Structure formats: C-alpha cells, structure tokens
Amino acid sequence: MTASIDVAGEERDVKLRNLSPHGAMIEGEPLPGEGDKLLFIKQDIRVSGKVAWREGNRAGIAFDLLLPIDIVMRHVPQKRAKMQPKFARPGLSAQKLTPEEKRFAENYVWGDPLVRPFG
C-alpha cells in the first residue's frame, strides 16, 4: 500500500508495510532519522508522529494520537479466500476417445503383438 510522509514541508511517497492505532512501519528512500517529527498521510488519515526506529530503508513511526480502530481497519486489506486445490485422478473415462485413440489404448494395455505403439 502507498502512503506519504511530510517532513519539514517536503512530502515523500513511501510504502506502508504495517498500520496500527499506535503507529506504522514504512519503507522508502530517503527516510528521516530516528526522532524526527513528521506527518503521516494515508488517504483520510493525517496524523503527526515521530520516527521511533530506522533500519536501512524501513522505519517505524509512533503516532502522537491513538487512531480509532475503525479508521485503521478501513486501510487494512481484507484477506482473499484461499483457493482450495482439487485433487482428482485423471482417467480415460473422463474424456471421449476417438476410435483410433481407443484402439491404441487397448493395444497398449493388452499388448497386442501385432501393434507396436512405440515404433
């Protein structure tokens, strides 16, 4: 998800990796240093905070105010339904064979010495 941070009047786009009522984890370049004040912006959310930690291109933001959980949940993607694999054994009866394919299959199974399926 995308978000923005405003640091001293300069707005920067970042990737939002985690969002909670207390803060957020963001990723991007360049990021402000630990302890720097900023404004976190995500659609209808505009909340001030400070950088609580920073490691490489990721940083944790501690919000100055606690966000209501209903606002946070609006910005958390819903889980998609997992696709359930269907395990089915393929069989010859599941598809119609041409007379030639049927003759080939019967000769292969019963081993007709007059028909050599592989050469």
PDB file of N, CA and C in Angstrom:
ATOM      1  N   MET A   1       0.851  -1.179   0.000  1.00  0.00           N
ATOM      2  CA  MET A   1       0.000   0.000   0.000  1.00  0.00           C
ATOM      3  C   MET A   1       0.892   1.236   0.000  1.00  0.00           C
ATOM      4  N   THR A   2       0.390   2.274  -0.581  1.00  0.00           N
ATOM      5  CA  THR A   2       1.153   3.510  -0.635  1.00  0.00           C
ATOM      6  C   THR A   2       0.646   4.483   0.425  1.00  0.00           C
ATOM      7  N   ALA A   3       1.558   5.326   0.845  1.00  0.00           N
ATOM      8  CA  ALA A   3       1.256   6.392   1.802  1.00  0.00           C
ATOM      9  C   ALA A   3       2.263   7.500   1.541  1.00  0.00           C
ATOM     10  N   SER A   4       2.179   8.554   2.312  1.00  0.00           N
ATOM     11  CA  SER A   4       3.127   9.664   2.206  1.00  0.00           C
ATOM     12  C   SER A   4       3.528  10.112   3.596  1.00  0.00           C
ATOM     13  N   ILE A   5       4.696  10.726   3.650  1.00  0.00           N
ATOM     14  CA  ILE A   5       5.111  11.392   4.876  1.00  0.00           C
ATOM     15  C   ILE A   5       5.526  12.801   4.510  1.00  0.00           C
ATOM     16  N   ASP A   6       5.222  13.717   5.392  1.00  0.00           N
ATOM     17  CA  ASP A   6       5.613  15.113   5.212  1.00  0.00           C
ATOM     18  C   ASP A   6       6.637  15.430   6.298  1.00  0.00           C
ATOM     19  N   VAL A   7       7.865  15.695   5.856  1.00  0.00           N
ATOM     20  CA  VAL A   7       8.948  16.011   6.783  1.00  0.00           C
ATOM     21  C   VAL A   7       9.405  17.433   6.489  1.00  0.00           C
ATOM     22  N   ALA A   8       9.152  18.335   7.409  1.00  0.00           N
ATOM     23  CA  ALA A   8       9.548  19.743   7.271  1.00  0.00           C
ATOM     24  C   ALA A   8       9.063  20.347   5.957  1.00  0.00           C
ATOM     25  N   GLY A   9       7.805  20.058   5.605  1.00  0.00           N
ATOM     26  CA  GLY A   9       7.205  20.642   4.404  1.00  0.00           C
ATOM     27  C   GLY A   9       7.517  19.909   3.112  1.00  0.00           C
ATOM     28  N   GLU A  10       8.312  18.868   3.170  1.00  0.00           N
ATOM     29  CA  GLU A  10       8.647  18.081   1.981  1.00  0.00           C
ATOM     30  C   GLU A  10       7.909  16.745   2.037  1.00  0.00           C
ATOM     31  N   GLU A  11       7.022  16.529   1.059  1.00  0.00           N
ATOM     32  CA  GLU A  11       6.231  15.297   1.042  1.00  0.00           C
ATOM     33  C   GLU A  11       6.958  14.222   0.237  1.00  0.00           C
ATOM     34  N   ARG A  12       6.973  13.001   0.803  1.00  0.00           N
ATOM     35  CA  ARG A  12       7.639  11.874   0.156  1.00  0.00           C
ATOM     36  C   ARG A  12       6.691  10.677   0.123  1.00  0.00           C
ATOM     37  N   ASP A  13       6.689   9.974  -0.989  1.00  0.00           N
ATOM     38  CA  ASP A  13       5.903   8.741  -1.091  1.00  0.00           C
ATOM     39  C   ASP A  13       6.671   7.600  -0.440  1.00  0.00           C
ATOM     40  N   VAL A  14       5.943   6.755   0.277  1.00  0.00           N
ATOM     41  CA  VAL A  14       6.523   5.586   0.935  1.00  0.00           C
ATOM     42  C   VAL A  14       5.581   4.398   0.752  1.00  0.00           C
ATOM     43  N   LYS A  15       6.095   3.209   1.020  1.00  0.00           N
ATOM     44  CA  LYS A  15       5.271   2.006   1.048  1.00  0.00           C
ATOM     45  C   LYS A  15       4.873   1.763   2.493  1.00  0.00           C
ATOM     46  N   LEU A  16       3.600   1.529   2.704  1.00  0.00           N
ATOM     47  CA  LEU A  16       3.094   1.227   4.035  1.00  0.00           C
ATOM     48  C   LEU A  16       3.149  -0.278   4.231  1.00  0.00           C
ATOM     49  N   ARG A  17       3.934  -0.725   5.199  1.00  0.00           N
ATOM     50  CA  ARG A  17       4.111  -2.153   5.453  1.00  0.00           C
ATOM     51  C   ARG A  17       3.244  -2.645   6.603  1.00  0.00           C
ATOM     52  N   ASN A  18       2.893  -1.760   7.531  1.00  0.00           N
ATOM     53  CA  ASN A  18       2.131  -2.167   8.698  1.00  0.00           C
ATOM     54  C   ASN A  18       1.445  -0.928   9.259  1.00  0.00           C
ATOM     55  N   LEU A  19       0.211  -1.082   9.697  1.00  0.00           N
ATOM     56  CA  LEU A  19      -0.534   0.043  10.263  1.00  0.00           C
ATOM     57  C   LEU A  19      -1.288  -0.433  11.498  1.00  0.00           C
ATOM     58  N   SER A  20      -1.183   0.337  12.580  1.00  0.00           N
ATOM     59  CA  SER A  20      -1.904   0.025  13.813  1.00  0.00           C
ATOM     60  C   SER A  20      -2.381   1.340  14.421  1.00  0.00           C
ATOM     61  N   PRO A  21      -3.208   1.279  15.464  1.00  0.00           N
ATOM     62  CA  PRO A  21      -3.642   2.517  16.105  1.00  0.00           C
ATOM     63  C   PRO A  21      -2.482   3.331  16.690  1.00  0.00           C
ATOM     64  N   HIS A  22      -1.386   2.666  17.012  1.00  0.00           N
ATOM     65  CA  HIS A  22      -0.249   3.332  17.655  1.00  0.00           C
ATOM     66  C   HIS A  22       0.789   3.871  16.684  1.00  0.00           C
ATOM     67  N   GLY A  23       0.853   3.287  15.479  1.00  0.00           N
ATOM     68  CA  GLY A  23       1.892   3.710  14.556  1.00  0.00           C
ATOM     69  C   GLY A  23       1.871   2.940  13.265  1.00  0.00           C
ATOM     70  N   ALA A  24       2.978   3.079  12.516  1.00  0.00           N
ATOM     71  CA  ALA A  24       3.073   2.444  11.209  1.00  0.00           C
ATOM     72  C   ALA A  24       4.518   2.070  10.928  1.00  0.00           C
ATOM     73  N   MET A  25       4.682   1.068  10.072  1.00  0.00           N
ATOM     74  CA  MET A  25       6.002   0.756   9.549  1.00  0.00           C
ATOM     75  C   MET A  25       5.990   1.132   8.075  1.00  0.00           C
ATOM     76  N   ILE A  26       6.990   1.906   7.663  1.00  0.00           N
ATOM     77  CA  ILE A  26       7.064   2.374   6.288  1.00  0.00           C
ATOM     78  C   ILE A  26       8.385   1.932   5.668  1.00  0.00           C
ATOM     79  N   GLU A  27       8.401   1.983   4.332  1.00  0.00           N
ATOM     80  CA  GLU A  27       9.603   1.631   3.590  1.00  0.00           C
ATOM     81  C   GLU A  27       9.779   2.649   2.486  1.00  0.00           C
ATOM     82  N   GLY A  28      10.994   3.091   2.269  1.00  0.00           N
ATOM     83  CA  GLY A  28      11.263   4.049   1.205  1.00  0.00           C
ATOM     84  C   GLY A  28      12.658   4.624   1.304  1.00  0.00           C
ATOM     85  N   GLU A  29      12.961   5.494   0.375  1.00  0.00           N
ATOM     86  CA  GLU A  29      14.261   6.179   0.328  1.00  0.00           C
ATOM     87  C   GLU A  29      14.023   7.609  -0.103  1.00  0.00           C
ATOM     88  N   PRO A  30      14.596   8.581   0.468  1.00  0.00           N
ATOM     89  CA  PRO A  30      15.273   8.581   1.763  1.00  0.00           C
ATOM     90  C   PRO A  30      14.251   8.713   2.887  1.00  0.00           C
ATOM     91  N   LEU A  31      14.569   8.191   4.027  1.00  0.00           N
ATOM     92  CA  LEU A  31      13.694   8.285   5.201  1.00  0.00           C
ATOM     93  C   LEU A  31      14.322   9.216   6.231  1.00  0.00           C
ATOM     94  N   PRO A  32      13.482   9.866   7.031  1.00  0.00           N
ATOM     95  CA  PRO A  32      14.030  10.726   8.089  1.00  0.00           C
ATOM     96  C   PRO A  32      14.720   9.885   9.161  1.00  0.00           C
ATOM     97  N   GLY A  33      15.510  10.538   9.983  1.00  0.00           N
ATOM     98  CA  GLY A  33      16.253   9.846  11.031  1.00  0.00           C
ATOM     99  C   GLY A  33      15.414   9.603  12.266  1.00  0.00           C
ATOM    100  N   GLU A  34      15.917   8.770  13.123  1.00  0.00           N
ATOM    101  CA  GLU A  34      15.241   8.441  14.370  1.00  0.00           C
ATOM    102  C   GLU A  34      15.020   9.706  15.199  1.00  0.00           C
ATOM    103  N   GLY A  35      13.786   9.875  15.690  1.00  0.00           N
ATOM    104  CA  GLY A  35      13.431  11.033  16.499  1.00  0.00           C
ATOM    105  C   GLY A  35      12.867  12.199  15.704  1.00  0.00           C
ATOM    106  N   ASP A  36      12.987  12.174  14.367  1.00  0.00           N
ATOM    107  CA  ASP A  36      12.462  13.271  13.533  1.00  0.00           C
ATOM    108  C   ASP A  36      10.934  13.289  13.548  1.00  0.00           C
ATOM    109  N   LYS A  37      10.376  14.497  13.600  1.00  0.00           N
ATOM    110  CA  LYS A  37       8.925  14.694  13.555  1.00  0.00           C
ATOM    111  C   LYS A  37       8.461  14.641  12.099  1.00  0.00           C
ATOM    112  N   LEU A  38       7.221  14.152  11.898  1.00  0.00           N
ATOM    113  CA  LEU A  38       6.667  14.079  10.549  1.00  0.00           C
ATOM    114  C   LEU A  38       5.153  14.038  10.610  1.00  0.00           C
ATOM    115  N   LEU A  39       4.548  14.137   9.438  1.00  0.00           N
ATOM    116  CA  LEU A  39       3.102  13.985   9.293  1.00  0.00           C
ATOM    117  C   LEU A  39       2.888  12.768   8.414  1.00  0.00           C
ATOM    118  N   PHE A  40       2.156  11.787   8.919  1.00  0.00           N
ATOM    119  CA  PHE A  40       1.840  10.576   8.168  1.00  0.00           C
ATOM    120  C   PHE A  40       0.531  10.797   7.442  1.00  0.00           C
ATOM    121  N   ILE A  41       0.502  10.469   6.130  1.00  0.00           N
ATOM    122  CA  ILE A  41      -0.686  10.711   5.301  1.00  0.00           C
ATOM    123  C   ILE A  41      -1.037   9.424   4.556  1.00  0.00           C
ATOM    124  N   LYS A  42      -2.269   8.972   4.752  1.00  0.00           N
ATOM    125  CA  LYS A  42      -2.798   7.814   4.031  1.00  0.00           C
ATOM    126  C   LYS A  42      -4.264   8.077   3.790  1.00  0.00           C
ATOM    127  N   GLN A  43      -4.608   8.484   2.575  1.00  0.00           N
ATOM    128  CA  GLN A  43      -5.974   8.845   2.203  1.00  0.00           C
ATOM    129  C   GLN A  43      -6.579   9.805   3.226  1.00  0.00           C
ATOM    130  N   ASP A  44      -7.560   9.359   4.044  1.00  0.00           N
ATOM    131  CA  ASP A  44      -8.209  10.259   5.006  1.00  0.00           C
ATOM    132  C   ASP A  44      -7.475  10.356   6.341  1.00  0.00           C
ATOM    133  N   ILE A  45      -6.366   9.637   6.491  1.00  0.00           N
ATOM    134  CA  ILE A  45      -5.591   9.706   7.742  1.00  0.00           C
ATOM    135  C   ILE A  45      -4.493  10.750   7.588  1.00  0.00           C
ATOM    136  N   ARG A  46      -4.449  11.678   8.505  1.00  0.00           N
ATOM    137  CA  ARG A  46      -3.378  12.671   8.602  1.00  0.00           C
ATOM    138  C   ARG A  46      -3.055  12.795  10.076  1.00  0.00           C
ATOM    139  N   VAL A  47      -1.942  12.196  10.484  1.00  0.00           N
ATOM    140  CA  VAL A  47      -1.609  12.182  11.906  1.00  0.00           C
ATOM    141  C   VAL A  47      -0.117  12.470  12.078  1.00  0.00           C
ATOM    142  N   SER A  48       0.174  13.303  13.073  1.00  0.00           N
ATOM    143  CA  SER A  48       1.576  13.630  13.343  1.00  0.00           C
ATOM    144  C   SER A  48       2.208  12.528  14.181  1.00  0.00           C
ATOM    145  N   GLY A  49       3.512  12.448  14.086  1.00  0.00           N
ATOM    146  CA  GLY A  49       4.236  11.445  14.851  1.00  0.00           C
ATOM    147  C   GLY A  49       5.722  11.684  14.742  1.00  0.00           C
ATOM    148  N   LYS A  50       6.488  10.700  15.185  1.00  0.00           N
ATOM    149  CA  LYS A  50       7.946  10.796  15.079  1.00  0.00           C
ATOM    150  C   LYS A  50       8.498   9.425  14.721  1.00  0.00           C
ATOM    151  N   VAL A  51       9.692   9.415  14.165  1.00  0.00           N
ATOM    152  CA  VAL A  51      10.346   8.173  13.797  1.00  0.00           C
ATOM    153  C   VAL A  51      10.858   7.522  15.079  1.00  0.00           C
ATOM    154  N   ALA A  52      10.328   6.350  15.403  1.00  0.00           N
ATOM    155  CA  ALA A  52      10.715   5.636  16.620  1.00  0.00           C
ATOM    156  C   ALA A  52      11.975   4.805  16.395  1.00  0.00           C
ATOM    157  N   TRP A  53      12.133   4.280  15.189  1.00  0.00           N
ATOM    158  CA  TRP A  53      13.318   3.495  14.840  1.00  0.00           C
ATOM    159  C   TRP A  53      13.504   3.528  13.330  1.00  0.00           C
ATOM    160  N   ARG A  54      14.714   3.223  12.921  1.00  0.00           N
ATOM    161  CA  ARG A  54      15.012   3.171  11.490  1.00  0.00           C
ATOM    162  C   ARG A  54      16.109   2.150  11.249  1.00  0.00           C
ATOM    163  N   GLU A  55      15.882   1.284  10.272  1.00  0.00           N
ATOM    164  CA  GLU A  55      16.870   0.281   9.864  1.00  0.00           C
ATOM    165  C   GLU A  55      16.860   0.219   8.341  1.00  0.00           C
ATOM    166  N   GLY A  56      17.935   0.670   7.731  1.00  0.00           N
ATOM    167  CA  GLY A  56      18.018   0.649   6.266  1.00  0.00           C
ATOM    168  C   GLY A  56      16.932   1.492   5.641  1.00  0.00           C
ATOM    169  N   ASN A  57      16.125   0.868   4.782  1.00  0.00           N
ATOM    170  CA  ASN A  57      15.062   1.604   4.093  1.00  0.00           C
ATOM    171  C   ASN A  57      13.701   1.439   4.771  1.00  0.00           C
ATOM    172  N   ARG A  58      13.689   0.960   6.015  1.00  0.00           N
ATOM    173  CA  ARG A  58      12.441   0.824   6.778  1.00  0.00           C
ATOM    174  C   ARG A  58      12.514   1.647   8.051  1.00  0.00           C
ATOM    175  N   ALA A  59      11.335   2.119   8.473  1.00  0.00           N
ATOM    176  CA  ALA A  59      11.264   2.917   9.692  1.00  0.00           C
ATOM    177  C   ALA A  59       9.924   2.690  10.374  1.00  0.00           C
ATOM    178  N   GLY A  60       9.935   2.841  11.697  1.00  0.00           N
ATOM    179  CA  GLY A  60       8.712   2.760  12.481  1.00  0.00           C
ATOM    180  C   GLY A  60       8.311   4.145  12.938  1.00  0.00           C
ATOM    181  N   ILE A  61       7.043   4.465  12.758  1.00  0.00           N
ATOM    182  CA  ILE A  61       6.514   5.768  13.162  1.00  0.00           C
ATOM    183  C   ILE A  61       5.608   5.571  14.376  1.00  0.00           C
ATOM    184  N   ALA A  62       5.849   6.339  15.408  1.00  0.00           N
ATOM    185  CA  ALA A  62       4.980   6.351  16.588  1.00  0.00           C
ATOM    186  C   ALA A  62       4.069   7.570  16.456  1.00  0.00           C
ATOM    187  N   PHE A  63       2.765   7.327  16.385  1.00  0.00           N
ATOM    188  CA  PHE A  63       1.810   8.429  16.241  1.00  0.00           C
ATOM    189  C   PHE A  63       1.677   9.197  17.548  1.00  0.00           C
ATOM    190  N   ASP A  64       1.411  10.511  17.438  1.00  0.00           N
ATOM    191  CA  ASP A  64       1.182  11.342  18.618  1.00  0.00           C
ATOM    192  C   ASP A  64      -0.187  11.068  19.229  1.00  0.00           C
ATOM    193  N   LEU A  65      -1.152  10.672  18.396  1.00  0.00           N
ATOM    194  CA  LEU A  65      -2.505  10.354  18.847  1.00  0.00           C
ATOM    195  C   LEU A  65      -2.841   8.919  18.483  1.00  0.00           C
ATOM    196  N   LEU A  66      -3.653   8.291  19.295  1.00  0.00           N
ATOM    197  CA  LEU A  66      -4.112   6.941  19.023  1.00  0.00           C
ATOM    198  C   LEU A  66      -5.212   6.995  17.951  1.00  0.00           C
ATOM    199  N   LEU A  67      -5.048   6.223  16.869  1.00  0.00           N
ATOM    200  CA  LEU A  67      -6.074   6.199  15.823  1.00  0.00           C
ATOM    201  C   LEU A  67      -7.202   5.259  16.223  1.00  0.00           C
ATOM    202  N   PRO A  68      -8.454   5.629  15.961  1.00  0.00           N
ATOM    203  CA  PRO A  68      -9.566   4.707  16.228  1.00  0.00           C
ATOM    204  C   PRO A  68      -9.423   3.452  15.365  1.00  0.00           C
ATOM    205  N   ILE A  69      -9.746   2.317  15.926  1.00  0.00           N
ATOM    206  CA  ILE A  69      -9.562   1.049  15.230  1.00  0.00           C
ATOM    207  C   ILE A  69     -10.377   0.962  13.944  1.00  0.00           C
ATOM    208  N   ASP A  70     -11.564   1.570  13.902  1.00  0.00           N
ATOM    209  CA  ASP A  70     -12.374   1.505  12.679  1.00  0.00           C
ATOM    210  C   ASP A  70     -11.692   2.240  11.525  1.00  0.00           C
ATOM    211  N   ILE A  71     -10.972   3.303  11.803  1.00  0.00           N
ATOM    212  CA  ILE A  71     -10.233   4.015  10.758  1.00  0.00           C
ATOM    213  C   ILE A  71      -9.055   3.164  10.284  1.00  0.00           C
ATOM    214  N   VAL A  72      -8.367   2.533  11.210  1.00  0.00           N
ATOM    215  CA  VAL A  72      -7.240   1.668  10.844  1.00  0.00           C
ATOM    216  C   VAL A  72      -7.728   0.518   9.965  1.00  0.00           C
ATOM    217  N   MET A  73      -8.820  -0.113  10.351  1.00  0.00           N
ATOM    218  CA  MET A  73      -9.316  -1.283   9.627  1.00  0.00           C
ATOM    219  C   MET A  73      -9.766  -0.945   8.208  1.00  0.00           C
ATOM    220  N   ARG A  74     -10.159   0.285   7.955  1.00  0.00           N
ATOM    221  CA  ARG A  74     -10.529   0.692   6.589  1.00  0.00           C
ATOM    222  C   ARG A  74      -9.345   0.620   5.645  1.00  0.00           C
ATOM    223  N   HIS A  75      -8.138   0.703   6.190  1.00  0.00           N
ATOM    224  CA  HIS A  75      -6.928   0.734   5.375  1.00  0.00           C
ATOM    225  C   HIS A  75      -6.163  -0.582   5.385  1.00  0.00           C
ATOM    226  N   VAL A  76      -6.723  -1.586   6.039  1.00  0.00           N
ATOM    227  CA  VAL A  76      -6.094  -2.903   6.058  1.00  0.00           C
ATOM    228  C   VAL A  76      -6.814  -3.767   5.025  1.00  0.00           C
ATOM    229  N   PRO A  77      -6.079  -4.299   4.037  1.00  0.00           N
ATOM    230  CA  PRO A  77      -6.737  -5.111   3.009  1.00  0.00           C
ATOM    231  C   PRO A  77      -7.369  -6.362   3.610  1.00  0.00           C
ATOM    232  N   GLN A  78      -8.508  -6.743   3.072  1.00  0.00           N
ATOM    233  CA  GLN A  78      -9.183  -7.954   3.519  1.00  0.00           C
ATOM    234  C   GLN A  78      -8.464  -9.173   2.953  1.00  0.00           C
ATOM    235  N   LYS A  79      -8.452 -10.243   3.717  1.00  0.00           N
ATOM    236  CA  LYS A  79      -7.836 -11.479   3.243  1.00  0.00           C
ATOM    237  C   LYS A  79      -8.653 -12.027   2.085  1.00  0.00           C
ATOM    238  N   ARG A  80      -7.944 -12.511   1.105  1.00  0.00           N
ATOM    239  CA  ARG A  80      -8.613 -13.151  -0.025  1.00  0.00           C
ATOM    240  C   ARG A  80      -8.875 -14.609   0.322  1.00  0.00           C
ATOM    241  N   ALA A  81      -9.948 -15.117  -0.207  1.00  0.00           N
ATOM    242  CA  ALA A  81     -10.254 -16.525   0.022  1.00  0.00           C
ATOM    243  C   ALA A  81      -9.179 -17.373  -0.649  1.00  0.00           C
ATOM    244  N   LYS A  82      -8.695 -18.357   0.093  1.00  0.00           N
ATOM    245  CA  LYS A  82      -7.674 -19.235  -0.463  1.00  0.00           C
ATOM    246  C   LYS A  82      -8.324 -20.214  -1.432  1.00  0.00           C
ATOM    247  N   MET A  83      -7.627 -20.439  -2.515  1.00  0.00           N
ATOM    248  CA  MET A  83      -8.105 -21.412  -3.475  1.00  0.00           C
ATOM    249  C   MET A  83      -7.838 -22.803  -2.928  1.00  0.00           C
ATOM    250  N   GLN A  84      -8.841 -23.625  -2.905  1.00  0.00           N
ATOM    251  CA  GLN A  84      -8.676 -24.986  -2.438  1.00  0.00           C
ATOM    252  C   GLN A  84      -8.313 -25.866  -3.627  1.00  0.00           C
ATOM    253  N   PRO A  85      -7.190 -26.574  -3.535  1.00  0.00           N
ATOM    254  CA  PRO A  85      -6.827 -27.438  -4.647  1.00  0.00           C
ATOM    255  C   PRO A  85      -7.807 -28.594  -4.782  1.00  0.00           C
ATOM    256  N   LYS A  86      -8.061 -28.966  -6.007  1.00  0.00           N
ATOM    257  CA  LYS A  86      -8.951 -30.093  -6.264  1.00  0.00           C
ATOM    258  C   LYS A  86      -8.079 -31.257  -6.718  1.00  0.00           C
ATOM    259  N   PHE A  87      -8.069 -32.289  -5.921  1.00  0.00           N
ATOM    260  CA  PHE A  87      -7.282 -33.460  -6.241  1.00  0.00           C
ATOM    261  C   PHE A  87      -8.185 -34.477  -6.923  1.00  0.00           C
ATOM    262  N   ALA A  88      -7.965 -34.671  -8.185  1.00  0.00           N
ATOM    263  CA  ALA A  88      -8.753 -35.630  -8.936  1.00  0.00           C
ATOM    264  C   ALA A  88      -7.815 -36.422  -9.833  1.00  0.00           C
ATOM    265  N   ARG A  89      -7.988 -37.690  -9.844  1.00  0.00           N
ATOM    266  CA  ARG A  89      -7.162 -38.549 -10.671  1.00  0.00           C
ATOM    267  C   ARG A  89      -7.681 -38.489 -12.106  1.00  0.00           C
ATOM    268  N   PRO A  90      -6.815 -38.129 -13.030  1.00  0.00           N
ATOM    269  CA  PRO A  90      -7.282 -38.111 -14.413  1.00  0.00           C
ATOM    270  C   PRO A  90      -7.538 -39.536 -14.879  1.00  0.00           C
ATOM    271  N   GLY A  91      -8.531 -39.705 -15.667  1.00  0.00           N
ATOM    272  CA  GLY A  91      -8.850 -41.039 -16.158  1.00  0.00           C
ATOM    273  C   GLY A  91      -9.271 -41.000 -17.606  1.00  0.00           C
ATOM    274  N   LEU A  92      -9.217 -42.147 -18.226  1.00  0.00           N
ATOM    275  CA  LEU A  92      -9.617 -42.224 -19.634  1.00  0.00           C
ATOM    276  C   LEU A  92     -11.109 -42.019 -19.802  1.00  0.00           C
ATOM    277  N   SER A  93     -11.875 -42.376 -18.775  1.00  0.00           N
ATOM    278  CA  SER A  93     -13.325 -42.247 -18.897  1.00  0.00           C
ATOM    279  C   SER A  93     -13.779 -40.791 -18.795  1.00  0.00           C
ATOM    280  N   ALA A  94     -12.895 -39.898 -18.370  1.00  0.00           N
ATOM    281  CA  ALA A  94     -13.276 -38.503 -18.212  1.00  0.00           C
ATOM    282  C   ALA A  94     -13.338 -37.769 -19.549  1.00  0.00           C
ATOM    283  N   GLN A  95     -12.761 -38.376 -20.568  1.00  0.00           N
ATOM    284  CA  GLN A  95     -12.789 -37.722 -21.871  1.00  0.00           C
ATOM    285  C   GLN A  95     -13.140 -38.741 -22.936  1.00  0.00           C
ATOM    286  N   LYS A  96     -13.732 -38.277 -23.999  1.00  0.00           N
ATOM    287  CA  LYS A  96     -14.110 -39.151 -25.102  1.00  0.00           C
ATOM    288  C   LYS A  96     -12.887 -39.393 -25.972  1.00  0.00           C
ATOM    289  N   LEU A  97     -12.632 -40.643 -26.269  1.00  0.00           N
ATOM    290  CA  LEU A  97     -11.520 -41.002 -27.132  1.00  0.00           C
ATOM    291  C   LEU A  97     -12.029 -41.245 -28.550  1.00  0.00           C
ATOM    292  N   THR A  98     -11.206 -40.913 -29.489  1.00  0.00           N
ATOM    293  CA  THR A  98     -11.523 -41.252 -30.879  1.00  0.00           C
ATOM    294  C   THR A  98     -11.355 -42.759 -31.029  1.00  0.00           C
ATOM    295  N   PRO A  99     -11.962 -43.368 -32.037  1.00  0.00           N
ATOM    296  CA  PRO A  99     -11.774 -44.814 -32.228  1.00  0.00           C
ATOM    297  C   PRO A  99     -10.299 -45.202 -32.348  1.00  0.00           C
ATOM    298  N   GLU A 100      -9.499 -44.372 -32.992  1.00  0.00           N
ATOM    299  CA  GLU A 100      -8.074 -44.664 -33.138  1.00  0.00           C
ATOM    300  C   GLU A 100      -7.364 -44.625 -31.773  1.00  0.00           C
ATOM    301  N   GLU A 101      -7.688 -43.596 -30.947  1.00  0.00           N
ATOM    302  CA  GLU A 101      -7.083 -43.499 -29.614  1.00  0.00           C
ATOM    303  C   GLU A 101      -7.499 -44.673 -28.740  1.00  0.00           C
ATOM    304  N   LYS A 102      -8.767 -45.073 -28.848  1.00  0.00           N
ATOM    305  CA  LYS A 102      -9.259 -46.197 -28.060  1.00  0.00           C
ATOM    306  C   LYS A 102      -8.540 -47.485 -28.462  1.00  0.00           C
ATOM    307  N   ARG A 103      -8.374 -47.727 -29.760  1.00  0.00           N
ATOM    308  CA  ARG A 103      -7.670 -48.909 -30.245  1.00  0.00           C
ATOM    309  C   ARG A 103      -6.217 -48.893 -29.757  1.00  0.00           C
ATOM    310  N   PHE A 104      -5.583 -47.736 -29.812  1.00  0.00           N
ATOM    311  CA  PHE A 104      -4.201 -47.607 -29.352  1.00  0.00           C
ATOM    312  C   PHE A 104      -4.102 -47.939 -27.865  1.00  0.00           C
ATOM    313  N   ALA A 105      -5.029 -47.388 -27.048  1.00  0.00           N
ATOM    314  CA  ALA A 105      -5.016 -47.640 -25.599  1.00  0.00           C
ATOM    315  C   ALA A 105      -5.249 -49.112 -25.297  1.00  0.00           C
ATOM    316  N   GLU A 106      -6.191 -49.749 -25.980  1.00  0.00           N
ATOM    317  CA  GLU A 106      -6.461 -51.170 -25.750  1.00  0.00           C
ATOM    318  C   GLU A 106      -5.258 -52.020 -26.132  1.00  0.00           C
ATOM    319  N   ASN A 107      -4.643 -51.688 -27.251  1.00  0.00           N
ATOM    320  CA  ASN A 107      -3.465 -52.441 -27.684  1.00  0.00           C
ATOM    321  C   ASN A 107      -2.305 -52.231 -26.717  1.00  0.00           C
ATOM    322  N   TYR A 108      -2.193 -51.049 -26.190  1.00  0.00           N
ATOM    323  CA  TYR A 108      -1.117 -50.758 -25.241  1.00  0.00           C
ATOM    324  C   TYR A 108      -1.312 -51.567 -23.960  1.00  0.00           C
ATOM    325  N   VAL A 109      -2.555 -51.599 -23.458  1.00  0.00           N
ATOM    326  CA  VAL A 109      -2.847 -52.304 -22.213  1.00  0.00           C
ATOM    327  C   VAL A 109      -2.751 -53.818 -22.404  1.00  0.00           C
ATOM    328  N   TRP A 110      -3.357 -54.321 -23.464  1.00  0.00           N
ATOM    329  CA  TRP A 110      -3.419 -55.766 -23.639  1.00  0.00           C
ATOM    330  C   TRP A 110      -2.206 -56.317 -24.382  1.00  0.00           C
ATOM    331  N   GLY A 111      -1.405 -55.444 -24.916  1.00  0.00           N
ATOM    332  CA  GLY A 111      -0.138 -55.883 -25.521  1.00  0.00           C
ATOM    333  C   GLY A 111      -0.303 -56.706 -26.785  1.00  0.00           C
ATOM    334  N   ASP A 112      -1.101 -56.259 -27.695  1.00  0.00           N
ATOM    335  CA  ASP A 112      -1.267 -56.955 -28.978  1.00  0.00           C
ATOM    336  C   ASP A 112       0.078 -57.016 -29.680  1.00  0.00           C
ATOM    337  N   PRO A 113       0.615 -58.202 -29.938  1.00  0.00           N
ATOM    338  CA  PRO A 113       1.936 -58.283 -30.535  1.00  0.00           C
ATOM    339  C   PRO A 113       1.992 -57.772 -31.965  1.00  0.00           C
ATOM    340  N   LEU A 114       0.859 -57.638 -32.600  1.00  0.00           N
ATOM    341  CA  LEU A 114       0.868 -57.148 -33.979  1.00  0.00           C
ATOM    342  C   LEU A 114       0.938 -55.644 -34.053  1.00  0.00           C
ATOM    343  N   VAL A 115       0.650 -54.955 -32.926  1.00  0.00           N
ATOM    344  CA  VAL A 115       0.676 -53.477 -32.917  1.00  0.00           C
ATOM    345  C   VAL A 115       1.795 -53.018 -31.985  1.00  0.00           C
ATOM    346  N   ARG A 116       2.718 -52.285 -32.480  1.00  0.00           N
ATOM    347  CA  ARG A 116       3.820 -51.759 -31.692  1.00  0.00           C
ATOM    348  C   ARG A 116       3.576 -50.248 -31.502  1.00  0.00           C
ATOM    349  N   PRO A 117       3.058 -49.835 -30.297  1.00  0.00           N
ATOM    350  CA  PRO A 117       2.686 -48.418 -30.118  1.00  0.00           C
ATOM    351  C   PRO A 117       3.864 -47.472 -30.157  1.00  0.00           C
ATOM    352  N   PHE A 118       5.070 -47.932 -29.867  1.00  0.00           N
ATOM    353  CA  PHE A 118       6.206 -47.021 -29.817  1.00  0.00           C
ATOM    354  C   PHE A 118       7.262 -47.385 -30.847  1.00  0.00           C
ATOM    355  N   GLY A 119       6.859 -47.662 -32.023  1.00  0.00           N
ATOM    356  CA  GLY A 119       7.868 -47.871 -33.052  1.00  0.00           C
ATOM    357  C   GLY A 119       7.807 -49.236 -33.575  1.00  0.00           C
TER     358      GLY A 119
END
